[in-house]
C-alpha cells in the first residue's frame, strides 16, 4: 500500500494573491526600465555626479517591500533608486532628483545617493559606506522607545562589511533587543574587489552569530525567496523586538557605478549571473500558475518603457532649485 507523501512546510509567499504577485512583477519591471533610462541620460551628460544602478538586484527591493507594512521604515546606502521606487517614491520625483531639479524628492540637492521621503518611510540614501547601519539601528531603537510595532529594514552592501561601525551597531541591536532587519546585498564585489580577497569569513551572515543574532541567507535573485526571508524576520522583530541579519546572494549586471567598466568580471561570469535575472524568473511563476498571460506581461513592460520616457522628458524641463537653496541646512542661523 502506497504511503501518502507529507506536504512540505508552506512558505509565507504561498499565501500571496494574484494582485500582489502582479504588483511585484510590475515593480521590478519599472525599476529595470527606470535604471536603463537613467543610464542613457547619464551617458548623454544629463545626470552628473555618482550614479549607482540597481539593475539585477530588483528582487531584493521588491520582495522586501512586499514583506513589510507601509508604516515600517527603511534605511539604505547609495545604490537606492530601485528601493526608493519600490517603497513608493514617485519615479518622477526620483528622476527630478537625479537631474538636480527643485521638484526632486530632496529638492534637487541630494542627487543619486541621497533619496529620502519621510512620508513613505524611506529615510535615505546615505553615501558614506556603512554609516547607514548605526543610523538605522537608531531609527529602530526609536520605534521601540515609542512602544509601537514598526520594523526597520537596514540595507547594506558587501563592501561595507569591513567597517567597524557596522559591528558596533549589530552588537548594540542584539544587546538592546532592537526591532531591526539587516539585509546585506552581497553582489560579490565591493566596487571592483571580489569578496574572497577581503573577507576571512564567508558567508557574511555568519558574523551575526558572534552577536547572538538570528541570521541566514537567501536567493536575492528570487523575489519570492526574498519575501519569505524578510517576512519571517520582520514578524520576529515585530513580536519579540529581536533583530535578524539576512544575506541576499545577488548580482548587479552593471559596474559599481556609471564610471566603472567592470573589467574585473569575465564576460562568461556576467552571462552566468544574467541567466538568473529575477524578472523573467517571476514571469515564469506567473505564467506557470496561469496568473497572467505573456501578452499581459509584455503590456506591463511597454507601460514601464513609456513611463520612463515621459518622466525623463519632464525632468529635463523641470525648474532648477532657487539660488538660496545653496545656503539652506548649512548654518544654524541662515542670515
C-alpha atoms as a PDB file:
ATOM      1  CA  UNK A   1       0.000   0.000   0.000  1.00  0.00           C
ATOM      2  CA  UNK A   2       1.456   3.323  -1.051  1.00  0.00           C
ATOM      3  CA  UNK A   3       2.017   5.822   1.733  1.00  0.00           C
ATOM      4  CA  UNK A   4       0.847   9.371   1.297  1.00  0.00           C
ATOM      5  CA  UNK A   5       3.683  11.853   0.869  1.00  0.00           C
ATOM      6  CA  UNK A   6       3.785  14.517   3.547  1.00  0.00           C
ATOM      7  CA  UNK A   7       3.123  18.038   2.408  1.00  0.00           C
ATOM      8  CA  UNK A   8       6.176  20.242   2.749  1.00  0.00           C
ATOM      9  CA  UNK A   9       6.025  23.234   5.061  1.00  0.00           C
ATOM     10  CA  UNK A  10       4.250  26.171   3.475  1.00  0.00           C
ATOM     11  CA  UNK A  11       6.262  29.301   2.753  1.00  0.00           C
ATOM     12  CA  UNK A  12       4.910  32.795   3.530  1.00  0.00           C
ATOM     13  CA  UNK A  13       4.931  33.589  -0.204  1.00  0.00           C
ATOM     14  CA  UNK A  14       2.495  30.725  -0.854  1.00  0.00           C
ATOM     15  CA  UNK A  15      -0.230  32.977   0.547  1.00  0.00           C
ATOM     16  CA  UNK A  16       0.439  35.826  -1.878  1.00  0.00           C
ATOM     17  CA  UNK A  17      -2.522  36.565  -4.134  1.00  0.00           C
ATOM     18  CA  UNK A  18      -2.564  37.372  -7.833  1.00  0.00           C
ATOM     19  CA  UNK A  19      -2.745  41.123  -7.256  1.00  0.00           C
ATOM     20  CA  UNK A  20       0.367  41.141  -5.075  1.00  0.00           C
ATOM     21  CA  UNK A  21       2.358  38.906  -7.411  1.00  0.00           C
ATOM     22  CA  UNK A  22       1.471  41.102 -10.385  1.00  0.00           C
ATOM     23  CA  UNK A  23       2.462  44.176  -8.381  1.00  0.00           C
ATOM     24  CA  UNK A  24       5.825  42.544  -7.676  1.00  0.00           C
ATOM     25  CA  UNK A  25       6.398  41.854 -11.365  1.00  0.00           C
ATOM     26  CA  UNK A  26       5.379  45.393 -12.303  1.00  0.00           C
ATOM     27  CA  UNK A  27       7.566  46.864  -9.569  1.00  0.00           C
ATOM     28  CA  UNK A  28      10.699  45.026 -10.723  1.00  0.00           C
ATOM     29  CA  UNK A  29       9.995  45.879 -14.354  1.00  0.00           C
ATOM     30  CA  UNK A  30       9.568  49.574 -13.539  1.00  0.00           C
ATOM     31  CA  UNK A  31      12.836  49.558 -11.605  1.00  0.00           C
ATOM     32  CA  UNK A  32      14.689  47.943 -14.520  1.00  0.00           C
ATOM     33  CA  UNK A  33      13.346  50.318 -17.178  1.00  0.00           C
ATOM     34  CA  UNK A  34      13.887  53.337 -14.911  1.00  0.00           C
ATOM     35  CA  UNK A  35      17.538  52.438 -14.334  1.00  0.00           C
ATOM     36  CA  UNK A  36      18.116  51.813 -18.028  1.00  0.00           C
ATOM     37  CA  UNK A  37      16.683  55.254 -18.714  1.00  0.00           C
ATOM     38  CA  UNK A  38      18.986  56.818 -16.123  1.00  0.00           C
ATOM     39  CA  UNK A  39      21.964  55.074 -17.725  1.00  0.00           C
ATOM     40  CA  UNK A  40      21.107  56.626 -21.091  1.00  0.00           C
ATOM     41  CA  UNK A  41      20.647  60.069 -19.529  1.00  0.00           C
ATOM     42  CA  UNK A  42      23.961  59.782 -17.720  1.00  0.00           C
ATOM     43  CA  UNK A  43      25.707  58.853 -20.946  1.00  0.00           C
ATOM     44  CA  UNK A  44      24.252  61.989 -22.567  1.00  0.00           C
ATOM     45  CA  UNK A  45      25.523  64.181 -19.738  1.00  0.00           C
ATOM     46  CA  UNK A  46      22.095  64.991 -18.335  1.00  0.00           C
ATOM     47  CA  UNK A  47      22.802  63.356 -14.969  1.00  0.00           C
ATOM     48  CA  UNK A  48      26.017  64.263 -13.164  1.00  0.00           C
ATOM     49  CA  UNK A  49      27.980  63.009 -10.192  1.00  0.00           C
ATOM     50  CA  UNK A  50      27.889  59.492  -8.807  1.00  0.00           C
ATOM     51  CA  UNK A  51      25.227  57.137 -10.116  1.00  0.00           C
ATOM     52  CA  UNK A  52      24.939  53.540  -8.887  1.00  0.00           C
ATOM     53  CA  UNK A  53      22.422  51.452 -10.794  1.00  0.00           C
ATOM     54  CA  UNK A  54      20.305  48.698  -9.246  1.00  0.00           C
ATOM     55  CA  UNK A  55      19.975  46.589 -12.396  1.00  0.00           C
ATOM     56  CA  UNK A  56      19.938  42.896 -11.443  1.00  0.00           C
ATOM     57  CA  UNK A  57      19.097  43.377  -7.768  1.00  0.00           C
ATOM     58  CA  UNK A  58      15.412  44.268  -8.162  1.00  0.00           C
ATOM     59  CA  UNK A  59      14.151  41.123  -6.431  1.00  0.00           C
ATOM     60  CA  UNK A  60      15.682  42.249  -3.133  1.00  0.00           C
ATOM     61  CA  UNK A  61      13.898  45.597  -3.013  1.00  0.00           C
ATOM     62  CA  UNK A  62      10.595  44.263  -4.354  1.00  0.00           C
ATOM     63  CA  UNK A  63      10.483  41.171  -2.169  1.00  0.00           C
ATOM     64  CA  UNK A  64      11.467  43.168   0.919  1.00  0.00           C
ATOM     65  CA  UNK A  65       8.907  45.896   0.293  1.00  0.00           C
ATOM     66  CA  UNK A  66       6.124  43.351  -0.192  1.00  0.00           C
ATOM     67  CA  UNK A  67       7.102  41.656   3.076  1.00  0.00           C
ATOM     68  CA  UNK A  68       6.729  44.692   5.355  1.00  0.00           C
ATOM     69  CA  UNK A  69       3.964  47.151   6.206  1.00  0.00           C
ATOM     70  CA  UNK A  70       3.556  50.627   4.708  1.00  0.00           C
ATOM     71  CA  UNK A  71       4.261  52.194   8.104  1.00  0.00           C
ATOM     72  CA  UNK A  72       7.535  50.324   8.582  1.00  0.00           C
ATOM     73  CA  UNK A  73      10.804  52.162   7.945  1.00  0.00           C
ATOM     74  CA  UNK A  74      13.696  51.701   5.531  1.00  0.00           C
ATOM     75  CA  UNK A  75      17.277  52.990   5.762  1.00  0.00           C
ATOM     76  CA  UNK A  76      19.752  52.252   2.986  1.00  0.00           C
ATOM     77  CA  UNK A  77      23.085  53.058   1.364  1.00  0.00           C
ATOM     78  CA  UNK A  78      23.746  54.634  -2.028  1.00  0.00           C
ATOM     79  CA  UNK A  79      22.505  52.003  -4.526  1.00  0.00           C
ATOM     80  CA  UNK A  80      18.936  53.011  -3.859  1.00  0.00           C
ATOM     81  CA  UNK A  81      16.972  54.093  -6.925  1.00  0.00           C
ATOM     82  CA  UNK A  82      15.109  50.777  -7.129  1.00  0.00           C
ATOM     83  CA  UNK A  83      14.491  50.612  -3.388  1.00  0.00           C
ATOM     84  CA  UNK A  84      13.074  54.131  -3.372  1.00  0.00           C
ATOM     85  CA  UNK A  85      10.730  53.371  -6.272  1.00  0.00           C
ATOM     86  CA  UNK A  86       9.604  50.122  -4.668  1.00  0.00           C
ATOM     87  CA  UNK A  87       8.866  51.925  -1.417  1.00  0.00           C
ATOM     88  CA  UNK A  88       6.524  54.304  -3.226  1.00  0.00           C
ATOM     89  CA  UNK A  89       8.554  57.381  -4.102  1.00  0.00           C
ATOM     90  CA  UNK A  90       7.284  58.571  -7.484  1.00  0.00           C
ATOM     91  CA  UNK A  91       9.512  57.819 -10.458  1.00  0.00           C
ATOM     92  CA  UNK A  92       9.214  61.469 -11.467  1.00  0.00           C
ATOM     93  CA  UNK A  93      10.465  62.650  -8.074  1.00  0.00           C
ATOM     94  CA  UNK A  94      13.442  60.269  -8.322  1.00  0.00           C
ATOM     95  CA  UNK A  95      14.317  61.364 -11.867  1.00  0.00           C
ATOM     96  CA  UNK A  96      13.971  65.042 -10.982  1.00  0.00           C
ATOM     97  CA  UNK A  97      16.351  64.487  -8.062  1.00  0.00           C
ATOM     98  CA  UNK A  98      18.953  62.854 -10.291  1.00  0.00           C
ATOM     99  CA  UNK A  99      18.580  65.748 -12.720  1.00  0.00           C
ATOM    100  CA  UNK A 100      19.127  68.180  -9.829  1.00  0.00           C
ATOM    101  CA  UNK A 101      15.711  69.806 -10.178  1.00  0.00           C
ATOM    102  CA  UNK A 102      13.715  71.554  -7.441  1.00  0.00           C
ATOM    103  CA  UNK A 103      10.872  69.061  -7.849  1.00  0.00           C
ATOM    104  CA  UNK A 104      13.118  66.157  -6.859  1.00  0.00           C
ATOM    105  CA  UNK A 105      12.338  64.239  -3.696  1.00  0.00           C
ATOM    106  CA  UNK A 106      15.138  66.125  -1.874  1.00  0.00           C
ATOM    107  CA  UNK A 107      14.703  69.387  -3.744  1.00  0.00           C
ATOM    108  CA  UNK A 108      17.479  68.631  -6.217  1.00  0.00           C
ATOM    109  CA  UNK A 109      20.288  68.870  -3.647  1.00  0.00           C
ATOM    110  CA  UNK A 110      20.623  65.180  -2.745  1.00  0.00           C
ATOM    111  CA  UNK A 111      21.207  63.530  -6.084  1.00  0.00           C
ATOM    112  CA  UNK A 112      21.506  59.838  -6.812  1.00  0.00           C
ATOM    113  CA  UNK A 113      22.811  58.694  -3.430  1.00  0.00           C
ATOM    114  CA  UNK A 114      20.545  60.651  -1.097  1.00  0.00           C
ATOM    115  CA  UNK A 115      16.924  59.905  -1.955  1.00  0.00           C
ATOM    116  CA  UNK A 116      14.648  60.493   1.024  1.00  0.00           C
ATOM    117  CA  UNK A 117      10.912  60.649   1.738  1.00  0.00           C
ATOM    118  CA  UNK A 118       9.644  60.683   5.319  1.00  0.00           C
ATOM    119  CA  UNK A 119       6.019  60.113   4.327  1.00  0.00           C
ATOM    120  CA  UNK A 120       6.996  56.900   2.535  1.00  0.00           C
ATOM    121  CA  UNK A 121       9.128  55.765   5.478  1.00  0.00           C
ATOM    122  CA  UNK A 122      12.218  55.873   3.267  1.00  0.00           C
ATOM    123  CA  UNK A 123      14.932  57.519   5.354  1.00  0.00           C
ATOM    124  CA  UNK A 124      17.882  57.540   2.943  1.00  0.00           C
ATOM    125  CA  UNK A 125      20.063  57.099   0.913  1.00  0.00           C
ATOM    126  CA  UNK A 126      23.466  57.572   2.669  1.00  0.00           C
ATOM    127  CA  UNK A 127      26.699  57.865   0.724  1.00  0.00           C
ATOM    128  CA  UNK A 128      29.244  57.063   3.441  1.00  0.00           C
ATOM    129  CA  UNK A 129      29.926  53.339   3.337  1.00  0.00           C
ATOM    130  CA  UNK A 130      28.423  51.517   6.298  1.00  0.00           C
ATOM    131  CA  UNK A 131      27.297  54.580   8.220  1.00  0.00           C
ATOM    132  CA  UNK A 132      23.619  53.985   7.480  1.00  0.00           C
ATOM    133  CA  UNK A 133      23.721  50.909   9.730  1.00  0.00           C
ATOM    134  CA  UNK A 134      24.158  52.653  13.116  1.00  0.00           C
ATOM    135  CA  UNK A 135      21.676  55.284  11.937  1.00  0.00           C
ATOM    136  CA  UNK A 136      19.192  52.569  11.055  1.00  0.00           C
ATOM    137  CA  UNK A 137      19.653  50.975  14.469  1.00  0.00           C
ATOM    138  CA  UNK A 138      18.919  54.362  15.999  1.00  0.00           C
ATOM    139  CA  UNK A 139      15.715  54.637  13.962  1.00  0.00           C
ATOM    140  CA  UNK A 140      14.677  51.143  15.070  1.00  0.00           C
ATOM    141  CA  UNK A 141      15.502  51.926  18.713  1.00  0.00           C
ATOM    142  CA  UNK A 142      13.215  54.962  18.493  1.00  0.00           C
ATOM    143  CA  UNK A 143      10.315  52.720  17.450  1.00  0.00           C
ATOM    144  CA  UNK A 144      10.878  50.509  20.480  1.00  0.00           C
ATOM    145  CA  UNK A 145      11.127  53.575  22.716  1.00  0.00           C
ATOM    146  CA  UNK A 146       7.837  54.872  21.303  1.00  0.00           C
ATOM    147  CA  UNK A 147       6.312  51.461  22.073  1.00  0.00           C
ATOM    148  CA  UNK A 148       4.989  50.742  18.586  1.00  0.00           C
ATOM    149  CA  UNK A 149       5.445  47.615  16.496  1.00  0.00           C
ATOM    150  CA  UNK A 150       7.113  49.187  13.466  1.00  0.00           C
ATOM    151  CA  UNK A 151      10.065  47.337  11.982  1.00  0.00           C
ATOM    152  CA  UNK A 152      13.111  48.977  10.394  1.00  0.00           C
ATOM    153  CA  UNK A 153      14.888  47.461   7.385  1.00  0.00           C
ATOM    154  CA  UNK A 154      18.549  48.413   7.052  1.00  0.00           C
ATOM    155  CA  UNK A 155      20.211  47.632   3.714  1.00  0.00           C
ATOM    156  CA  UNK A 156      23.968  47.450   3.193  1.00  0.00           C
ATOM    157  CA  UNK A 157      26.386  46.163   0.584  1.00  0.00           C
ATOM    158  CA  UNK A 158      29.106  43.545   0.981  1.00  0.00           C
ATOM    159  CA  UNK A 159      31.783  46.223   0.557  1.00  0.00           C
ATOM    160  CA  UNK A 160      30.635  47.756   3.849  1.00  0.00           C
ATOM    161  CA  UNK A 161      31.162  44.666   5.962  1.00  0.00           C
ATOM    162  CA  UNK A 162      34.713  45.632   6.921  1.00  0.00           C
ATOM    163  CA  UNK A 163      33.505  48.851   8.556  1.00  0.00           C
ATOM    164  CA  UNK A 164      33.779  48.796  12.329  1.00  0.00           C
ATOM    165  CA  UNK A 165      30.652  50.878  12.844  1.00  0.00           C
ATOM    166  CA  UNK A 166      28.548  48.039  11.410  1.00  0.00           C
ATOM    167  CA  UNK A 167      29.769  45.585  14.022  1.00  0.00           C
ATOM    168  CA  UNK A 168      29.232  48.043  16.858  1.00  0.00           C
ATOM    169  CA  UNK A 169      25.673  48.556  15.596  1.00  0.00           C
ATOM    170  CA  UNK A 170      24.966  44.819  15.285  1.00  0.00           C
ATOM    171  CA  UNK A 171      26.170  44.233  18.816  1.00  0.00           C
ATOM    172  CA  UNK A 172      24.076  47.115  20.142  1.00  0.00           C
ATOM    173  CA  UNK A 173      20.964  45.886  18.299  1.00  0.00           C
ATOM    174  CA  UNK A 174      21.280  42.452  19.881  1.00  0.00           C
ATOM    175  CA  UNK A 175      22.091  43.660  23.407  1.00  0.00           C
ATOM    176  CA  UNK A 176      19.145  46.054  23.439  1.00  0.00           C
ATOM    177  CA  UNK A 177      16.629  43.855  21.561  1.00  0.00           C
ATOM    178  CA  UNK A 178      16.080  46.351  18.758  1.00  0.00           C
ATOM    179  CA  UNK A 179      13.409  45.510  16.104  1.00  0.00           C
ATOM    180  CA  UNK A 180      15.655  45.676  13.064  1.00  0.00           C
ATOM    181  CA  UNK A 181      16.142  43.525   9.965  1.00  0.00           C
ATOM    182  CA  UNK A 182      19.600  43.898   8.448  1.00  0.00           C
ATOM    183  CA  UNK A 183      19.746  42.995   4.749  1.00  0.00           C
ATOM    184  CA  UNK A 184      23.183  42.537   3.225  1.00  0.00           C
ATOM    185  CA  UNK A 185      23.001  42.707  -0.574  1.00  0.00           C
ATOM    186  CA  UNK A 186      26.006  40.587  -1.466  1.00  0.00           C
ATOM    187  CA  UNK A 187      26.648  41.114  -5.172  1.00  0.00           C
ATOM    188  CA  UNK A 188      30.157  39.620  -4.794  1.00  0.00           C
ATOM    189  CA  UNK A 189      32.142  42.810  -5.406  1.00  0.00           C
ATOM    190  CA  UNK A 190      32.962  45.781  -3.181  1.00  0.00           C
ATOM    191  CA  UNK A 191      33.443  48.241  -6.021  1.00  0.00           C
ATOM    192  CA  UNK A 192      35.843  46.113  -8.126  1.00  0.00           C
ATOM    193  CA  UNK A 193      37.238  43.872  -5.390  1.00  0.00           C
ATOM    194  CA  UNK A 194      35.955  40.304  -5.094  1.00  0.00           C
ATOM    195  CA  UNK A 195      34.744  39.432  -1.593  1.00  0.00           C
ATOM    196  CA  UNK A 196      37.130  36.484  -1.208  1.00  0.00           C
ATOM    197  CA  UNK A 197      40.041  38.934  -1.364  1.00  0.00           C
ATOM    198  CA  UNK A 198      38.897  40.957   1.638  1.00  0.00           C
ATOM    199  CA  UNK A 199      36.899  38.743   3.980  1.00  0.00           C
ATOM    200  CA  UNK A 200      38.273  35.942   6.158  1.00  0.00           C
ATOM    201  CA  UNK A 201      34.734  34.728   6.914  1.00  0.00           C
ATOM    202  CA  UNK A 202      32.144  33.776   4.316  1.00  0.00           C
ATOM    203  CA  UNK A 203      29.229  33.714   4.087  1.00  0.00           C
ATOM    204  CA  UNK A 204      28.994  37.101   5.774  1.00  0.00           C
ATOM    205  CA  UNK A 205      25.819  36.335   7.716  1.00  0.00           C
ATOM    206  CA  UNK A 206      27.815  34.005   9.969  1.00  0.00           C
ATOM    207  CA  UNK A 207      29.330  37.088  11.601  1.00  0.00           C
ATOM    208  CA  UNK A 208      25.945  37.747  13.215  1.00  0.00           C
ATOM    209  CA  UNK A 209      26.344  34.598  15.304  1.00  0.00           C
ATOM    210  CA  UNK A 210      29.016  36.474  17.241  1.00  0.00           C
ATOM    211  CA  UNK A 211      26.336  38.947  18.292  1.00  0.00           C
ATOM    212  CA  UNK A 212      23.842  36.258  19.333  1.00  0.00           C
ATOM    213  CA  UNK A 213      21.582  37.216  16.456  1.00  0.00           C
ATOM    214  CA  UNK A 214      19.385  35.085  14.188  1.00  0.00           C
ATOM    215  CA  UNK A 215      20.902  35.024  10.730  1.00  0.00           C
ATOM    216  CA  UNK A 216      20.644  33.323   7.356  1.00  0.00           C
ATOM    217  CA  UNK A 217      20.967  33.710   3.611  1.00  0.00           C
ATOM    218  CA  UNK A 218      18.564  33.566   0.683  1.00  0.00           C
ATOM    219  CA  UNK A 219      18.481  33.781  -3.097  1.00  0.00           C
ATOM    220  CA  UNK A 220      18.426  37.513  -3.763  1.00  0.00           C
ATOM    221  CA  UNK A 221      17.690  36.839  -7.439  1.00  0.00           C
ATOM    222  CA  UNK A 222      14.290  35.454  -6.467  1.00  0.00           C
ATOM    223  CA  UNK A 223      11.585  37.879  -5.316  1.00  0.00           C
ATOM    224  CA  UNK A 224       9.600  35.135  -3.568  1.00  0.00           C
ATOM    225  CA  UNK A 225      12.626  33.805  -1.683  1.00  0.00           C
ATOM    226  CA  UNK A 226      13.325  37.378  -0.600  1.00  0.00           C
ATOM    227  CA  UNK A 227       9.743  37.794   0.556  1.00  0.00           C
ATOM    228  CA  UNK A 228       9.912  34.600   2.617  1.00  0.00           C
ATOM    229  CA  UNK A 229      13.140  35.555   4.398  1.00  0.00           C
ATOM    230  CA  UNK A 230      12.211  39.169   5.112  1.00  0.00           C
ATOM    231  CA  UNK A 231       8.618  38.407   6.107  1.00  0.00           C
ATOM    232  CA  UNK A 232       9.794  35.851   8.681  1.00  0.00           C
ATOM    233  CA  UNK A 233      12.450  38.204  10.064  1.00  0.00           C
ATOM    234  CA  UNK A 234      10.077  41.187  10.178  1.00  0.00           C
ATOM    235  CA  UNK A 235       7.437  39.245  12.073  1.00  0.00           C
ATOM    236  CA  UNK A 236      10.084  38.086  14.545  1.00  0.00           C
ATOM    237  CA  UNK A 237      11.187  41.680  15.093  1.00  0.00           C
ATOM    238  CA  UNK A 238       7.584  42.827  15.451  1.00  0.00           C
ATOM    239  CA  UNK A 239       6.663  40.238  18.067  1.00  0.00           C
ATOM    240  CA  UNK A 240       9.928  39.918  20.016  1.00  0.00           C
ATOM    241  CA  UNK A 241      11.973  43.037  19.103  1.00  0.00           C
ATOM    242  CA  UNK A 242      14.833  40.693  18.220  1.00  0.00           C
ATOM    243  CA  UNK A 243      16.993  41.680  15.208  1.00  0.00           C
ATOM    244  CA  UNK A 244      17.885  39.406  12.294  1.00  0.00           C
ATOM    245  CA  UNK A 245      20.790  39.538   9.857  1.00  0.00           C
ATOM    246  CA  UNK A 246      19.988  38.334   6.328  1.00  0.00           C
ATOM    247  CA  UNK A 247      22.371  37.904   3.427  1.00  0.00           C
ATOM    248  CA  UNK A 248      20.920  38.214  -0.067  1.00  0.00           C
ATOM    249  CA  UNK A 249      23.046  36.423  -2.660  1.00  0.00           C
ATOM    250  CA  UNK A 250      22.591  38.598  -5.720  1.00  0.00           C
ATOM    251  CA  UNK A 251      24.333  40.159  -8.714  1.00  0.00           C
ATOM    252  CA  UNK A 252      24.456  43.560 -10.323  1.00  0.00           C
ATOM    253  CA  UNK A 253      24.519  43.467 -14.105  1.00  0.00           C
ATOM    254  CA  UNK A 254      26.384  46.775 -14.485  1.00  0.00           C
ATOM    255  CA  UNK A 255      29.564  48.180 -12.970  1.00  0.00           C
ATOM    256  CA  UNK A 256      29.789  49.509  -9.445  1.00  0.00           C
ATOM    257  CA  UNK A 257      28.823  52.939 -10.762  1.00  0.00           C
ATOM    258  CA  UNK A 258      28.428  54.539 -14.181  1.00  0.00           C
ATOM    259  CA  UNK A 259      32.170  55.233 -14.238  1.00  0.00           C
ATOM    260  CA  UNK A 260      33.059  51.553 -13.739  1.00  0.00           C
ATOM    261  CA  UNK A 261      33.561  49.433 -16.901  1.00  0.00           C
ATOM    262  CA  UNK A 262      33.549  46.267 -14.763  1.00  0.00           C
ATOM    263  CA  UNK A 263      36.605  44.666 -16.366  1.00  0.00           C
ATOM    264  CA  UNK A 264      37.350  42.677 -13.206  1.00  0.00           C
ATOM    265  CA  UNK A 265      34.497  40.313 -14.128  1.00  0.00           C
ATOM    266  CA  UNK A 266      34.681  37.997 -17.121  1.00  0.00           C
ATOM    267  CA  UNK A 267      32.041  38.028 -19.845  1.00  0.00           C
ATOM    268  CA  UNK A 268      31.258  34.388 -19.023  1.00  0.00           C
ATOM    269  CA  UNK A 269      30.709  35.233 -15.352  1.00  0.00           C
ATOM    270  CA  UNK A 270      28.402  38.111 -16.232  1.00  0.00           C
ATOM    271  CA  UNK A 271      26.340  35.938 -18.589  1.00  0.00           C
ATOM    272  CA  UNK A 272      26.078  33.295 -15.881  1.00  0.00           C
ATOM    273  CA  UNK A 273      24.692  35.923 -13.499  1.00  0.00           C
ATOM    274  CA  UNK A 274      22.281  37.329 -16.085  1.00  0.00           C
ATOM    275  CA  UNK A 275      20.851  33.843 -16.542  1.00  0.00           C
ATOM    276  CA  UNK A 276      19.453  34.273 -13.001  1.00  0.00           C
ATOM    277  CA  UNK A 277      17.649  37.525 -13.918  1.00  0.00           C
ATOM    278  CA  UNK A 278      14.874  37.923 -11.306  1.00  0.00           C
ATOM    279  CA  UNK A 279      12.315  39.456 -13.669  1.00  0.00           C
ATOM    280  CA  UNK A 280      11.873  36.536 -16.102  1.00  0.00           C
ATOM    281  CA  UNK A 281      12.145  34.237 -13.079  1.00  0.00           C
ATOM    282  CA  UNK A 282       8.993  35.759 -11.554  1.00  0.00           C
ATOM    283  CA  UNK A 283       7.373  35.882 -15.001  1.00  0.00           C
ATOM    284  CA  UNK A 284       7.698  32.102 -15.216  1.00  0.00           C
ATOM    285  CA  UNK A 285       5.907  31.739 -11.883  1.00  0.00           C
ATOM    286  CA  UNK A 286       3.035  33.920 -13.081  1.00  0.00           C
ATOM    287  CA  UNK A 287       2.757  32.039 -16.354  1.00  0.00           C
ATOM    288  CA  UNK A 288       3.012  28.596 -14.771  1.00  0.00           C
ATOM    289  CA  UNK A 289       0.282  29.440 -12.254  1.00  0.00           C
ATOM    290  CA  UNK A 290      -1.834  30.990 -15.030  1.00  0.00           C
ATOM    291  CA  UNK A 291      -1.985  34.285 -13.126  1.00  0.00           C
ATOM    292  CA  UNK A 292      -1.007  36.266 -16.225  1.00  0.00           C
ATOM    293  CA  UNK A 293      -0.571  35.785 -19.939  1.00  0.00           C
ATOM    294  CA  UNK A 294       2.552  36.665 -21.900  1.00  0.00           C
ATOM    295  CA  UNK A 295       0.604  39.473 -23.583  1.00  0.00           C
ATOM    296  CA  UNK A 296      -0.245  40.949 -20.173  1.00  0.00           C
ATOM    297  CA  UNK A 297       3.379  40.787 -19.051  1.00  0.00           C
ATOM    298  CA  UNK A 298       4.509  42.388 -22.308  1.00  0.00           C
ATOM    299  CA  UNK A 299       1.995  45.186 -21.736  1.00  0.00           C
ATOM    300  CA  UNK A 300       3.471  45.845 -18.285  1.00  0.00           C
ATOM    301  CA  UNK A 301       6.912  46.157 -19.859  1.00  0.00           C
ATOM    302  CA  UNK A 302       5.663  48.565 -22.542  1.00  0.00           C
ATOM    303  CA  UNK A 303       3.985  50.708 -19.887  1.00  0.00           C
ATOM    304  CA  UNK A 304       7.237  50.880 -17.910  1.00  0.00           C
ATOM    305  CA  UNK A 305       9.197  51.916 -21.016  1.00  0.00           C
ATOM    306  CA  UNK A 306       6.637  54.601 -21.865  1.00  0.00           C
ATOM    307  CA  UNK A 307       6.628  55.819 -18.263  1.00  0.00           C
ATOM    308  CA  UNK A 308      10.374  56.401 -18.037  1.00  0.00           C
ATOM    309  CA  UNK A 309      10.421  58.148 -21.424  1.00  0.00           C
ATOM    310  CA  UNK A 310       7.790  60.609 -20.229  1.00  0.00           C
ATOM    311  CA  UNK A 311       9.462  61.012 -16.847  1.00  0.00           C
ATOM    312  CA  UNK A 312      12.837  61.894 -18.388  1.00  0.00           C
ATOM    313  CA  UNK A 313      11.226  64.444 -20.720  1.00  0.00           C
ATOM    314  CA  UNK A 314       9.557  66.090 -17.736  1.00  0.00           C
ATOM    315  CA  UNK A 315      12.765  66.049 -15.685  1.00  0.00           C
ATOM    316  CA  UNK A 316      14.661  67.867 -18.398  1.00  0.00           C
ATOM    317  CA  UNK A 317      12.043  70.635 -18.454  1.00  0.00           C
ATOM    318  CA  UNK A 318      11.677  70.937 -14.663  1.00  0.00           C
ATOM    319  CA  UNK A 319      12.804  74.044 -12.759  1.00  0.00           C
ATOM    320  CA  UNK A 320      16.223  74.325 -11.175  1.00  0.00           C
ATOM    321  CA  UNK A 321      16.410  74.963  -7.407  1.00  0.00           C
ATOM    322  CA  UNK A 322      16.459  78.589  -6.266  1.00  0.00           C
ATOM    323  CA  UNK A 323      19.910  80.068  -5.657  1.00  0.00           C
ATOM    324  CA  UNK A 324      19.366  80.410  -1.913  1.00  0.00           C
ATOM    325  CA  UNK A 325      18.970  76.622  -1.716  1.00  0.00           C
ATOM    326  CA  UNK A 326      22.769  76.540  -1.542  1.00  0.00           C
ATOM    327  CA  UNK A 327      22.647  78.011   1.949  1.00  0.00           C
ATOM    328  CA  UNK A 328      19.780  76.037   3.438  1.00  0.00           C
ATOM    329  CA  UNK A 329      20.601  73.456   6.099  1.00  0.00           C
ATOM    330  CA  UNK A 330      24.204  74.669   6.206  1.00  0.00           C
ATOM    331  CA  UNK A 331      24.228  77.190   9.063  1.00  0.00           C
ATOM    332  CA  UNK A 332      22.137  77.263  12.245  1.00  0.00           C
ATOM    333  CA  UNK A 333      21.448  80.936  11.558  1.00  0.00           C
ATOM    334  CA  UNK A 334      20.832  81.308   7.783  1.00  0.00           C
ATOM    335  CA  UNK A 335      21.437  85.068   7.982  1.00  0.00           C
END
